[in-house]
Amino acid sequence: MYKEKGWLYYDKFKDFKSSSEAYAAGMKTKNVDVTQVGHALAHAYERNGELDKAEATWEECIRMHTARRDDPK
């Protein structure tokens, strides 16, 4: 639900603050799809002028991707 809500605000309404709030909520869920939600959150922060948050989100995405890549499961 958070992916769809975030995209609706981002793409249709150009409300990047509401978009980032929806995506940020999604990032707190278990087994989040970092490629879709994390990347979109970083872009929403960028479009909203929150560059520090965007950078931190990109770094978190990299950390999460690396952790999943290195997981021996």
C-alpha atoms as a PDB file:
ATOM      1  CA  MET A   1       0.000   0.000   0.000  1.00  0.00           C
ATOM      2  CA  TYR A   2       2.800   2.441   0.873  1.00  0.00           C
ATOM      3  CA  LYS A   3       4.403   2.006  -2.569  1.00  0.00           C
ATOM      4  CA  GLU A   4       1.177   2.895  -4.346  1.00  0.00           C
ATOM      5  CA  LYS A   5       0.430   5.819  -2.034  1.00  0.00           C
ATOM      6  CA  GLY A   6       3.971   7.151  -2.360  1.00  0.00           C
ATOM      7  CA  TRP A   7       3.840   6.899  -6.148  1.00  0.00           C
ATOM      8  CA  LEU A   8       0.419   8.575  -6.324  1.00  0.00           C
ATOM      9  CA  TYR A   9       1.697  11.595  -4.396  1.00  0.00           C
ATOM     10  CA  TYR A  10       4.993  11.648  -6.312  1.00  0.00           C
ATOM     11  CA  ASP A  11       3.753  11.208  -9.860  1.00  0.00           C
ATOM     12  CA  LYS A  12       0.186  12.508  -9.965  1.00  0.00           C
ATOM     13  CA  PHE A  13       0.097  15.266  -7.328  1.00  0.00           C
ATOM     14  CA  LYS A  14       3.787  16.282  -7.284  1.00  0.00           C
ATOM     15  CA  ASP A  15       3.456  16.349  -3.475  1.00  0.00           C
ATOM     16  CA  PHE A  16       6.934  15.148  -2.623  1.00  0.00           C
ATOM     17  CA  LYS A  17       6.571  15.668   1.134  1.00  0.00           C
ATOM     18  CA  SER A  18       3.547  13.349   1.327  1.00  0.00           C
ATOM     19  CA  SER A  19       5.286  10.948  -1.028  1.00  0.00           C
ATOM     20  CA  SER A  20       8.367  10.777   1.176  1.00  0.00           C
ATOM     21  CA  GLU A  21       6.177  10.218   4.262  1.00  0.00           C
ATOM     22  CA  ALA A  22       4.476   7.241   2.600  1.00  0.00           C
ATOM     23  CA  TYR A  23       7.736   5.739   1.392  1.00  0.00           C
ATOM     24  CA  ALA A  24       9.408   6.315   4.790  1.00  0.00           C
ATOM     25  CA  ALA A  25       6.583   4.372   6.450  1.00  0.00           C
ATOM     26  CA  GLY A  26       7.173   1.578   3.951  1.00  0.00           C
ATOM     27  CA  MET A  27      10.875   1.453   4.775  1.00  0.00           C
ATOM     28  CA  LYS A  28       9.951   0.523   8.361  1.00  0.00           C
ATOM     29  CA  THR A  29       8.135  -2.636   7.305  1.00  0.00           C
ATOM     30  CA  LYS A  30       9.625  -6.101   7.424  1.00  0.00           C
ATOM     31  CA  ASN A  31      11.024  -7.400   4.124  1.00  0.00           C
ATOM     32  CA  VAL A  32      10.704  -4.049   2.385  1.00  0.00           C
ATOM     33  CA  ASP A  33      11.562  -3.991  -1.312  1.00  0.00           C
ATOM     34  CA  VAL A  34      14.507  -1.610  -1.050  1.00  0.00           C
ATOM     35  CA  THR A  35      14.878  -1.322  -4.801  1.00  0.00           C
ATOM     36  CA  GLN A  36      11.387   0.097  -5.201  1.00  0.00           C
ATOM     37  CA  VAL A  37      10.673   1.804  -1.882  1.00  0.00           C
ATOM     38  CA  GLY A  38      14.127   2.938  -0.793  1.00  0.00           C
ATOM     39  CA  HIS A  39      15.114   4.314  -4.165  1.00  0.00           C
ATOM     40  CA  ALA A  40      11.769   6.089  -4.565  1.00  0.00           C
ATOM     41  CA  LEU A  41      12.119   7.567  -1.067  1.00  0.00           C
ATOM     42  CA  ALA A  42      15.530   8.984  -1.934  1.00  0.00           C
ATOM     43  CA  HIS A  43      14.139  10.508  -5.140  1.00  0.00           C
ATOM     44  CA  ALA A  44      11.187  12.025  -3.251  1.00  0.00           C
ATOM     45  CA  TYR A  45      13.575  13.618  -0.765  1.00  0.00           C
ATOM     46  CA  GLU A  46      15.652  14.974  -3.661  1.00  0.00           C
ATOM     47  CA  ARG A  47      12.606  16.493  -5.374  1.00  0.00           C
ATOM     48  CA  ASN A  48      11.517  18.037  -2.055  1.00  0.00           C
ATOM     49  CA  GLY A  49      14.929  19.643  -1.585  1.00  0.00           C
ATOM     50  CA  GLU A  50      15.845  17.458   1.399  1.00  0.00           C
ATOM     51  CA  LEU A  51      19.261  16.516   0.081  1.00  0.00           C
ATOM     52  CA  ASP A  52      20.718  15.411   3.422  1.00  0.00           C
ATOM     53  CA  LYS A  53      17.865  12.951   3.875  1.00  0.00           C
ATOM     54  CA  ALA A  54      18.232  11.803   0.269  1.00  0.00           C
ATOM     55  CA  GLU A  55      21.923  11.100   0.751  1.00  0.00           C
ATOM     56  CA  ALA A  56      21.281   9.226   4.001  1.00  0.00           C
ATOM     57  CA  THR A  57      18.582   7.173   2.300  1.00  0.00           C
ATOM     58  CA  TRP A  58      20.882   6.238  -0.594  1.00  0.00           C
ATOM     59  CA  GLU A  59      23.517   5.154   1.926  1.00  0.00           C
ATOM     60  CA  GLU A  60      20.924   3.060   3.776  1.00  0.00           C
ATOM     61  CA  CYS A  61      19.832   1.452   0.494  1.00  0.00           C
ATOM     62  CA  ILE A  62      23.419   0.516  -0.286  1.00  0.00           C
ATOM     63  CA  ARG A  63      23.843  -0.913   3.215  1.00  0.00           C
ATOM     64  CA  MET A  64      20.644  -2.970   2.885  1.00  0.00           C
ATOM     65  CA  HIS A  65      21.549  -4.236  -0.597  1.00  0.00           C
ATOM     66  CA  THR A  66      25.007  -5.222   0.615  1.00  0.00           C
ATOM     67  CA  ALA A  67      23.585  -7.032   3.648  1.00  0.00           C
ATOM     68  CA  ARG A  68      21.190  -9.000   1.454  1.00  0.00           C
ATOM     69  CA  ARG A  69      23.918  -9.823  -1.033  1.00  0.00           C
ATOM     70  CA  ASP A  70      26.216 -11.069   1.701  1.00  0.00           C
ATOM     71  CA  ASP A  71      23.549 -13.052   3.576  1.00  0.00           C
ATOM     72  CA  PRO A  72      24.487 -16.743   3.403  1.00  0.00           C
ATOM     73  CA  LYS A  73      20.833 -17.949   3.242  1.00  0.00           C
END
